[in-house]
């Protein structure tokens, strides 16, 4: 499994900066839950202050895809 930007298809790697739909920057940490229909899965991100939180990938314009 890998994470890609929903619109560009670019691969997102651990440590890459991602931006929420509100324009807030965070760091991609990992896939935290695999997608199971109908769920899109979850990603773990680290906010600037160090807090790590699980989100739907779409919050950051991301998508979890199989290779």
C-alpha atoms as a PDB file:
ATOM      1  CA  UNK A   1       0.000   0.000   0.000  1.00  0.00           C
ATOM      2  CA  UNK A   2       1.094   3.545  -0.616  1.00  0.00           C
ATOM      3  CA  UNK A   3      -0.270   7.043  -0.179  1.00  0.00           C
ATOM      4  CA  UNK A   4      -0.675   9.394  -3.132  1.00  0.00           C
ATOM      5  CA  UNK A   5      -1.944  12.916  -3.635  1.00  0.00           C
ATOM      6  CA  UNK A   6      -5.532  12.536  -4.791  1.00  0.00           C
ATOM      7  CA  UNK A   7      -5.269  14.979  -7.721  1.00  0.00           C
ATOM      8  CA  UNK A   8      -1.642  14.701  -8.882  1.00  0.00           C
ATOM      9  CA  UNK A   9      -1.002  11.017  -8.165  1.00  0.00           C
ATOM     10  CA  UNK A  10       2.388  11.906  -6.637  1.00  0.00           C
ATOM     11  CA  UNK A  11       3.564   9.432  -3.990  1.00  0.00           C
ATOM     12  CA  UNK A  12       3.699  10.710  -0.399  1.00  0.00           C
ATOM     13  CA  UNK A  13       6.654   9.397   1.611  1.00  0.00           C
ATOM     14  CA  UNK A  14       7.203   9.268   5.372  1.00  0.00           C
ATOM     15  CA  UNK A  15       8.354  12.698   6.493  1.00  0.00           C
ATOM     16  CA  UNK A  16       6.746  14.588   3.598  1.00  0.00           C
ATOM     17  CA  UNK A  17       4.794  17.729   4.368  1.00  0.00           C
ATOM     18  CA  UNK A  18       1.062  17.497   3.711  1.00  0.00           C
ATOM     19  CA  UNK A  19      -1.485  20.309   3.939  1.00  0.00           C
ATOM     20  CA  UNK A  20      -5.000  20.008   5.324  1.00  0.00           C
ATOM     21  CA  UNK A  21      -8.055  21.385   3.555  1.00  0.00           C
ATOM     22  CA  UNK A  22      -7.749  24.336   5.971  1.00  0.00           C
ATOM     23  CA  UNK A  23      -4.227  25.093   4.735  1.00  0.00           C
ATOM     24  CA  UNK A  24      -2.528  23.771   7.893  1.00  0.00           C
ATOM     25  CA  UNK A  25       0.824  21.991   7.349  1.00  0.00           C
ATOM     26  CA  UNK A  26       1.602  18.632   8.961  1.00  0.00           C
ATOM     27  CA  UNK A  27       4.079  15.792   8.432  1.00  0.00           C
ATOM     28  CA  UNK A  28       2.960  12.422   7.051  1.00  0.00           C
ATOM     29  CA  UNK A  29       3.962   9.638   9.471  1.00  0.00           C
ATOM     30  CA  UNK A  30       2.316   6.438   8.176  1.00  0.00           C
ATOM     31  CA  UNK A  31      -0.820   4.615   7.100  1.00  0.00           C
ATOM     32  CA  UNK A  32      -2.561   3.842  10.381  1.00  0.00           C
ATOM     33  CA  UNK A  33      -5.545   1.866   9.062  1.00  0.00           C
ATOM     34  CA  UNK A  34      -5.871   0.058   5.764  1.00  0.00           C
ATOM     35  CA  UNK A  35      -8.866   0.956   3.633  1.00  0.00           C
ATOM     36  CA  UNK A  36     -11.757  -1.509   3.819  1.00  0.00           C
ATOM     37  CA  UNK A  37     -14.866  -0.800   1.753  1.00  0.00           C
ATOM     38  CA  UNK A  38     -16.547   1.567   2.339  1.00  0.00           C
ATOM     39  CA  UNK A  39     -13.845   3.163   4.589  1.00  0.00           C
ATOM     40  CA  UNK A  40     -10.981   5.081   2.975  1.00  0.00           C
ATOM     41  CA  UNK A  41      -8.609   4.074   5.803  1.00  0.00           C
ATOM     42  CA  UNK A  42      -6.649   6.458   8.028  1.00  0.00           C
ATOM     43  CA  UNK A  43      -3.289   8.223   7.994  1.00  0.00           C
ATOM     44  CA  UNK A  44      -1.217   9.369  10.942  1.00  0.00           C
ATOM     45  CA  UNK A  45       0.201  12.889  10.739  1.00  0.00           C
ATOM     46  CA  UNK A  46       2.337  14.984  13.083  1.00  0.00           C
ATOM     47  CA  UNK A  47       1.344  18.603  13.584  1.00  0.00           C
ATOM     48  CA  UNK A  48       3.950  21.344  13.932  1.00  0.00           C
ATOM     49  CA  UNK A  49       3.677  21.208  17.749  1.00  0.00           C
ATOM     50  CA  UNK A  50       4.513  17.472  17.763  1.00  0.00           C
ATOM     51  CA  UNK A  51       1.013  16.058  18.336  1.00  0.00           C
ATOM     52  CA  UNK A  52       0.290  12.928  16.246  1.00  0.00           C
ATOM     53  CA  UNK A  53      -3.318  12.398  15.137  1.00  0.00           C
ATOM     54  CA  UNK A  54      -5.168   9.905  12.895  1.00  0.00           C
ATOM     55  CA  UNK A  55      -7.234  11.368  10.026  1.00  0.00           C
ATOM     56  CA  UNK A  56      -9.093  10.315   6.917  1.00  0.00           C
ATOM     57  CA  UNK A  57      -6.643  10.733   4.016  1.00  0.00           C
ATOM     58  CA  UNK A  58      -9.078  13.060   2.212  1.00  0.00           C
ATOM     59  CA  UNK A  59      -8.530  15.706   4.936  1.00  0.00           C
ATOM     60  CA  UNK A  60      -5.114  16.205   3.306  1.00  0.00           C
ATOM     61  CA  UNK A  61      -6.126  15.510  -0.294  1.00  0.00           C
ATOM     62  CA  UNK A  62      -4.552  12.046  -0.073  1.00  0.00           C
ATOM     63  CA  UNK A  63      -5.612   8.549  -1.072  1.00  0.00           C
ATOM     64  CA  UNK A  64      -4.355   5.120   0.028  1.00  0.00           C
ATOM     65  CA  UNK A  65      -3.856   2.840  -2.971  1.00  0.00           C
ATOM     66  CA  UNK A  66      -2.551  -0.657  -3.550  1.00  0.00           C
ATOM     67  CA  UNK A  67       0.682  -0.798  -5.493  1.00  0.00           C
END
